[in-house]
Amino acid sequence: MNGAPTLPSPARAAEARPRGYAARVASRVTVESIVQPVPGFARVTVAGEGLTAYDPVLPADAFKLLLPAPGDDGFDFPQRGADGLPAWPQGARRPILRPYAVRDADPAAGRIVFDVALRPGGAAPLRFAAGDEIGLAGMRHGYAPASGATRHLLVGDRSALPAIAAIVASLPAAARVTAVLEVAAEEERGLLPAHPGLAAEWLVGPASAGAGSPLEQAARTVAVPAAGAHAWIGGEVGVVRALHAHLTAALGLSLAQVHAVPCWERGRTADERDAAMLERYRAAAARGRDVADPDVADAIELGA
C-alpha cells in the first residue's frame, strides 16, 4: 500500500454500482500503525479478516470506528432491526462511534488506511494506539460521479480534508478539479496531493459554521456548469446544507451530482449528533422511506 493509492477512479467504480452502500462490513480490526503525514493529521492503518468483504472500493468511502466507551473493557457490535438500522440490546456494551473516510484500501490483504484530523494544537489524543483492537463498520460510498463527469468541485473544512485528499488522488490527470478548502494552519495544506488539473483556494482560520460563513461564501463564487459536473461538499452541517441548496436550486445540478457530507454540527458533540441522527433515520424508516436510498440519506443528514 505504499506509493500511489490502489483505489479505482470513481467514475470507473461507479459504473459497477451506483451511489449508496458497498457490501456491508463489520469487523474487529487491529491498529497496525499511526503516523503523522503532516502537522494536524494522523494516518492510521488497520487490518482485519472482515475487511476482505469490502467491495467495491470507491474513493473516500465512509465508515465508522467502534471504540470502547470510558470504563468499558470492550464493545459490542449492533444488531440490525427490521428497518435495517443499528440497535444495541439492553446490556450490550455500546461503543463510541467516530466517522472517517478511506484514504487507501487493500481488501485482499484485509487492510485500510485513513486520515484523522487532530484537534488544532494537539489538545486531544486519539482514543486508540498501535496494537489496539477496535471495530470498523461501513461502507457508504463517498464519491461516485457519472463516467462522463469532467469537472469536479470539492469543498470542505479540515474535518473533510481527508476525504477530499482521497478523491483528488483518485481522479484522472485530465480531470478539471476546483477545490475550496479551509484549514487551521498553512502546514495542513500538505495533506492534499498534487494534481495537474487542480485549482485550489485555501482559507486559513477557525472552522466555518452556518450559512454565510467564509467557506460557504468562497464556494459560492465558483462557476459550476451543470453539464459534466460533480460536487462533493463536507464540513459543518449549516455550511453543507446552504451549499447543497445553492448547487441544486441556484445552479441546477441534480441531486445525483452533489454529494453532501455533514461532518459536524455547531453546538452539538459528536455523540449528541449521532443520537439525533439515528432518531431521524428511525423516524424516516417508520414513515416508509427507504433510508438506504442515497437521496433519502442525504436529506436526513442535512436535516431536510
Protein backbone atom coordinates (compact mmCIF):
# COMPACT_ATOMS: atom_id res chain seq x y z
CA MET A 1 0.00 0.00 0.00
CA ASN A 2 2.98 2.26 -0.45
CA GLY A 3 3.15 4.66 -3.38
CA ALA A 4 0.07 5.55 -5.44
CA PRO A 5 -3.31 4.74 -3.88
CA THR A 6 -4.90 1.50 -5.01
CA LEU A 7 -8.39 2.99 -5.17
CA PRO A 8 -10.05 2.83 -8.60
CA SER A 9 -11.20 6.01 -10.32
CA PRO A 10 -14.65 6.98 -9.01
CA ALA A 11 -16.22 7.02 -12.47
CA ARG A 12 -14.99 3.53 -13.32
CA ALA A 13 -16.12 2.08 -10.00
CA ALA A 14 -19.48 3.85 -10.17
CA GLU A 15 -20.27 2.10 -13.44
CA ALA A 16 -20.38 -1.18 -11.49
CA ARG A 17 -22.63 0.14 -8.71
CA PRO A 18 -24.41 3.49 -8.12
CA ARG A 19 -24.20 5.76 -5.12
CA GLY A 20 -25.14 4.13 -1.84
CA TYR A 21 -23.62 1.29 0.11
CA ALA A 22 -20.93 -1.20 -0.76
CA ALA A 23 -21.14 -4.68 0.71
CA ARG A 24 -21.64 -4.17 4.45
CA VAL A 25 -18.51 -4.59 6.52
CA ALA A 26 -18.46 -5.15 10.27
CA SER A 27 -15.11 -6.30 11.56
CA ARG A 28 -12.83 -6.20 14.54
CA VAL A 29 -9.55 -4.74 13.35
CA THR A 30 -6.08 -4.23 14.78
CA VAL A 31 -4.40 -0.84 14.61
CA GLU A 32 -1.16 -1.62 12.77
CA SER A 33 0.39 1.83 12.68
CA ILE A 34 -0.20 5.52 13.33
CA VAL A 35 2.00 8.13 11.64
CA GLN A 36 1.75 11.88 11.09
CA PRO A 37 1.87 12.75 7.36
CA VAL A 38 1.58 16.49 8.06
CA PRO A 39 1.04 18.55 11.22
CA GLY A 40 -2.56 18.38 12.38
CA PHE A 41 -3.36 14.94 10.94
CA ALA A 42 -2.68 11.31 11.78
CA ARG A 43 -2.62 8.48 9.25
CA VAL A 44 -3.90 5.18 10.61
CA THR A 45 -3.57 1.68 9.14
CA VAL A 46 -5.89 -1.06 10.40
CA ALA A 47 -6.20 -4.72 9.40
CA GLY A 48 -8.75 -7.44 9.96
CA GLU A 49 -10.10 -10.52 8.21
CA GLY A 50 -13.56 -8.98 7.88
CA LEU A 51 -12.23 -6.22 5.62
CA THR A 52 -11.87 -8.71 2.76
CA ALA A 53 -15.65 -8.27 2.20
CA TYR A 54 -15.15 -4.61 1.26
CA ASP A 55 -16.29 -4.38 -2.36
CA PRO A 56 -16.46 -2.28 -4.49
CA VAL A 57 -13.93 0.25 -3.27
CA LEU A 58 -14.52 3.92 -4.10
CA PRO A 59 -12.52 6.99 -3.04
CA ALA A 60 -13.44 8.44 0.36
CA ASP A 61 -15.85 5.65 1.25
CA ALA A 62 -17.29 6.42 4.67
CA PHE A 63 -17.21 4.15 7.70
CA LYS A 64 -17.33 4.36 11.48
CA LEU A 65 -14.88 3.16 14.07
CA LEU A 66 -16.30 1.46 17.15
CA LEU A 67 -14.30 2.31 20.28
CA PRO A 68 -14.83 1.17 23.88
CA ALA A 69 -16.72 3.70 25.97
CA PRO A 70 -14.91 5.09 29.04
CA GLY A 71 -14.99 2.46 31.77
CA ASP A 72 -15.74 -0.45 29.41
CA ASP A 73 -13.18 -3.13 28.61
CA GLY A 74 -14.62 -3.70 25.14
CA PHE A 75 -17.66 -3.10 22.95
CA ASP A 76 -20.41 -4.98 21.13
CA PHE A 77 -21.42 -4.62 17.52
CA PRO A 78 -25.03 -3.57 16.99
CA GLN A 79 -27.78 -5.79 15.75
CA ARG A 80 -29.90 -4.65 12.82
CA GLY A 81 -33.62 -4.23 13.25
CA ALA A 82 -36.38 -4.75 10.70
CA ASP A 83 -35.76 -1.21 9.46
CA GLY A 84 -32.12 -2.09 8.75
CA LEU A 85 -30.83 0.40 11.33
CA PRO A 86 -28.38 -0.46 14.12
CA ALA A 87 -29.60 -1.15 17.64
CA TRP A 88 -27.92 -2.35 20.81
CA PRO A 89 -29.95 -4.68 23.02
CA GLN A 90 -30.22 -4.00 26.72
CA GLY A 91 -26.99 -4.89 28.49
CA ALA A 92 -24.81 -4.59 25.39
CA ARG A 93 -21.62 -2.54 25.60
CA ARG A 94 -22.45 0.36 23.33
CA PRO A 95 -19.32 1.82 21.75
CA ILE A 96 -18.27 5.35 20.93
CA LEU A 97 -18.69 5.88 17.18
CA ARG A 98 -16.43 8.08 15.08
CA PRO A 99 -16.75 8.61 11.30
CA TYR A 100 -13.81 8.51 8.89
CA ALA A 101 -13.13 8.17 5.16
CA VAL A 102 -10.96 5.60 3.36
CA ARG A 103 -7.70 7.01 2.02
CA ASP A 104 -6.34 3.72 0.66
CA ALA A 105 -7.53 0.13 0.74
CA ASP A 106 -6.32 -3.37 0.01
CA PRO A 107 -9.32 -5.65 0.62
CA ALA A 108 -7.40 -8.76 -0.47
CA ALA A 109 -4.99 -8.13 2.41
CA GLY A 110 -7.78 -7.01 4.76
CA ARG A 111 -6.21 -3.59 5.24
CA ILE A 112 -7.48 0.02 5.21
CA VAL A 113 -5.71 3.36 5.62
CA PHE A 114 -7.47 6.53 6.76
CA ASP A 115 -6.52 10.01 7.93
CA VAL A 116 -7.72 11.67 11.14
CA ALA A 117 -7.98 15.41 11.67
CA LEU A 118 -6.48 16.12 15.08
CA ARG A 119 -7.74 19.00 17.16
CA PRO A 120 -5.77 22.18 16.45
CA GLY A 121 -2.90 22.40 18.90
CA GLY A 122 -2.98 18.65 19.56
CA ALA A 123 -5.18 19.10 22.65
CA ALA A 124 -6.84 15.69 22.46
CA PRO A 125 -5.01 12.46 21.64
CA LEU A 126 -6.53 9.64 19.63
CA ARG A 127 -8.71 7.20 21.58
CA PHE A 128 -6.64 4.28 20.30
CA ALA A 129 -2.99 3.31 19.85
CA ALA A 130 -0.99 0.93 17.69
CA GLY A 131 -1.74 -2.65 18.71
CA ASP A 132 -5.28 -1.91 19.96
CA GLU A 133 -8.27 -3.93 18.76
CA ILE A 134 -11.18 -1.73 17.69
CA GLY A 135 -14.21 -2.13 15.45
CA LEU A 136 -14.99 -0.90 11.94
CA ALA A 137 -18.42 -0.75 10.26
CA GLY A 138 -19.31 0.56 6.78
CA MET A 139 -19.12 1.21 3.88
CA ARG A 140 -21.06 4.10 2.41
CA HIS A 141 -19.74 5.23 -0.95
CA GLY A 142 -18.07 8.60 -0.68
CA TYR A 143 -17.69 9.70 -4.30
CA ALA A 144 -19.35 8.14 -7.33
CA PRO A 145 -19.75 10.63 -10.21
CA ALA A 146 -21.09 9.58 -13.58
CA SER A 147 -18.50 8.33 -16.04
CA GLY A 148 -18.96 11.49 -18.12
CA ALA A 149 -18.07 13.88 -15.31
CA THR A 150 -15.12 16.07 -16.30
CA ARG A 151 -15.45 18.96 -13.81
CA HIS A 152 -15.18 18.33 -10.07
CA LEU A 153 -15.95 20.80 -7.28
CA LEU A 154 -14.62 19.85 -3.84
CA VAL A 155 -15.44 22.00 -0.82
CA GLY A 156 -14.64 21.35 2.82
CA ASP A 157 -13.05 22.39 6.09
CA ARG A 158 -10.27 20.43 7.79
CA SER A 159 -12.74 17.77 9.00
CA ALA A 160 -13.45 16.96 5.35
CA LEU A 161 -9.88 17.30 4.06
CA PRO A 162 -9.01 13.56 4.46
CA ALA A 163 -11.93 12.60 2.19
CA ILE A 164 -11.14 15.34 -0.32
CA ALA A 165 -7.49 14.28 -0.43
CA ALA A 166 -8.56 10.70 -1.24
CA ILE A 167 -10.84 11.95 -4.03
CA VAL A 168 -8.13 14.12 -5.61
CA ALA A 169 -5.65 11.22 -5.50
CA SER A 170 -8.11 9.05 -7.44
CA LEU A 171 -9.03 11.44 -10.26
CA PRO A 172 -7.52 11.03 -13.74
CA ALA A 173 -4.96 13.57 -14.89
CA ALA A 174 -7.38 15.01 -17.47
CA ALA A 175 -9.99 15.93 -14.84
CA ARG A 176 -10.58 19.58 -14.00
CA VAL A 177 -10.75 19.99 -10.24
CA THR A 178 -11.72 23.11 -8.31
CA ALA A 179 -11.27 22.93 -4.54
CA VAL A 180 -12.26 25.46 -1.89
CA LEU A 181 -10.66 24.34 1.37
CA GLU A 182 -10.34 25.60 4.92
CA VAL A 183 -7.56 24.60 7.33
CA ALA A 184 -6.41 25.71 10.76
CA ALA A 185 -2.77 26.28 9.72
CA GLU A 186 -0.78 26.61 6.49
CA GLU A 187 1.16 23.37 7.05
CA GLU A 188 -2.06 21.33 6.95
CA ARG A 189 -2.32 22.04 3.22
CA GLY A 190 0.29 19.31 2.65
CA LEU A 191 -2.32 16.59 3.14
CA LEU A 192 -3.76 17.38 -0.30
CA PRO A 193 -1.91 15.53 -3.09
CA ALA A 194 -0.78 17.30 -6.24
CA HIS A 195 -2.94 17.01 -9.36
CA PRO A 196 -2.28 18.57 -12.80
CA GLY A 197 -5.87 19.77 -13.16
CA LEU A 198 -6.31 21.12 -9.62
CA ALA A 199 -7.03 24.76 -8.81
CA ALA A 200 -7.31 25.20 -5.03
CA GLU A 201 -8.37 28.19 -2.97
CA TRP A 202 -7.29 27.98 0.66
CA LEU A 203 -8.79 29.68 3.69
CA VAL A 204 -6.77 29.59 6.92
CA GLY A 205 -8.53 30.13 10.20
CA PRO A 206 -11.22 28.75 12.52
CA ALA A 207 -13.64 26.22 11.04
CA SER A 208 -16.63 27.81 9.30
CA ALA A 209 -20.08 27.13 10.68
CA GLY A 210 -23.51 28.11 9.40
CA ALA A 211 -24.84 29.85 6.33
CA GLY A 212 -22.92 32.99 5.39
CA SER A 213 -19.63 31.70 6.79
CA PRO A 214 -16.32 32.32 4.96
CA LEU A 215 -16.13 28.82 3.45
CA GLU A 216 -19.67 28.97 2.11
CA GLN A 217 -19.20 32.46 0.69
CA ALA A 218 -15.95 31.48 -1.04
CA ALA A 219 -17.53 28.38 -2.58
CA ARG A 220 -20.46 30.41 -3.91
CA THR A 221 -18.11 32.36 -6.17
CA VAL A 222 -17.15 29.24 -8.14
CA ALA A 223 -18.89 28.92 -11.50
CA VAL A 224 -20.05 25.32 -11.95
CA PRO A 225 -21.64 24.27 -15.25
CA ALA A 226 -24.42 21.75 -14.66
CA ALA A 227 -23.34 19.58 -17.61
CA GLY A 228 -20.50 17.20 -16.80
CA ALA A 229 -20.03 18.41 -13.21
CA HIS A 230 -19.97 16.63 -9.88
CA ALA A 231 -19.62 18.20 -6.44
CA TRP A 232 -18.54 16.92 -3.02
CA ILE A 233 -19.10 19.20 -0.04
CA GLY A 234 -18.21 18.44 3.57
CA GLY A 235 -17.93 20.27 6.86
CA GLU A 236 -20.29 21.81 9.39
CA VAL A 237 -23.92 20.90 8.67
CA GLY A 238 -25.07 24.51 8.24
CA VAL A 239 -22.39 25.18 5.63
CA VAL A 240 -23.09 21.93 3.79
CA ARG A 241 -26.86 22.49 3.82
CA ALA A 242 -26.52 26.01 2.39
CA LEU A 243 -24.13 24.94 -0.37
CA HIS A 244 -26.25 21.91 -1.25
CA ALA A 245 -29.22 24.23 -1.77
CA HIS A 246 -27.10 26.66 -3.80
CA LEU A 247 -25.74 23.98 -6.12
CA THR A 248 -29.06 22.25 -6.73
CA ALA A 249 -31.56 25.12 -6.66
CA ALA A 250 -29.48 28.03 -7.97
CA LEU A 251 -27.02 26.30 -10.31
CA GLY A 252 -29.23 23.44 -11.47
CA LEU A 253 -27.13 20.42 -10.51
CA SER A 254 -29.18 17.28 -9.90
CA LEU A 255 -29.23 15.50 -6.55
CA ALA A 256 -27.10 12.76 -8.11
CA GLN A 257 -24.43 15.34 -9.00
CA VAL A 258 -23.98 16.61 -5.44
CA HIS A 259 -22.62 14.52 -2.60
CA ALA A 260 -23.18 16.24 0.76
CA VAL A 261 -21.33 15.10 3.90
CA PRO A 262 -22.09 16.96 7.14
CA CYS A 263 -19.09 16.13 9.35
CA TRP A 264 -20.05 18.03 12.49
CA GLU A 265 -22.66 20.37 13.90
CA ARG A 266 -22.14 23.62 15.77
CA GLY A 267 -23.41 23.39 19.34
CA ARG A 268 -23.52 19.58 19.49
CA THR A 269 -20.97 16.97 20.45
CA ALA A 270 -20.31 14.09 18.07
CA ASP A 271 -22.21 11.72 20.37
CA GLU A 272 -25.20 14.08 20.61
CA ARG A 273 -25.30 14.46 16.85
CA ASP A 274 -25.07 10.69 16.32
CA ALA A 275 -28.00 10.07 18.67
CA ALA A 276 -30.15 12.71 16.98
CA MET A 277 -29.23 11.39 13.52
CA LEU A 278 -30.20 7.83 14.41
CA GLU A 279 -33.60 9.07 15.59
CA ARG A 280 -34.07 10.91 12.28
CA TYR A 281 -33.29 7.74 10.37
CA ARG A 282 -35.72 5.74 12.51
CA ALA A 283 -38.46 8.32 12.02
CA ALA A 284 -37.92 8.28 8.25
CA ALA A 285 -37.99 4.47 8.16
CA ALA A 286 -41.22 4.47 10.19
CA ARG A 287 -42.76 6.73 7.53
CA GLY A 288 -41.88 4.16 4.89
CA ARG A 289 -38.85 5.94 3.46
CA ASP A 290 -36.03 3.82 2.03
CA VAL A 291 -33.18 5.02 4.25
CA ALA A 292 -30.66 3.12 2.11
CA ASP A 293 -31.51 5.39 -0.84
CA PRO A 294 -28.67 7.93 -1.20
CA ASP A 295 -31.02 10.86 -1.84
CA VAL A 296 -33.12 9.98 1.21
CA ALA A 297 -29.99 9.58 3.32
CA ASP A 298 -28.65 12.96 2.16
CA ALA A 299 -31.94 14.64 3.13
CA ILE A 300 -31.84 13.03 6.57
CA GLU A 301 -28.20 14.00 7.11
CA LEU A 302 -28.92 17.60 6.10
CA GLY A 303 -31.94 17.80 8.39
CA ALA A 304 -34.37 18.24 5.49
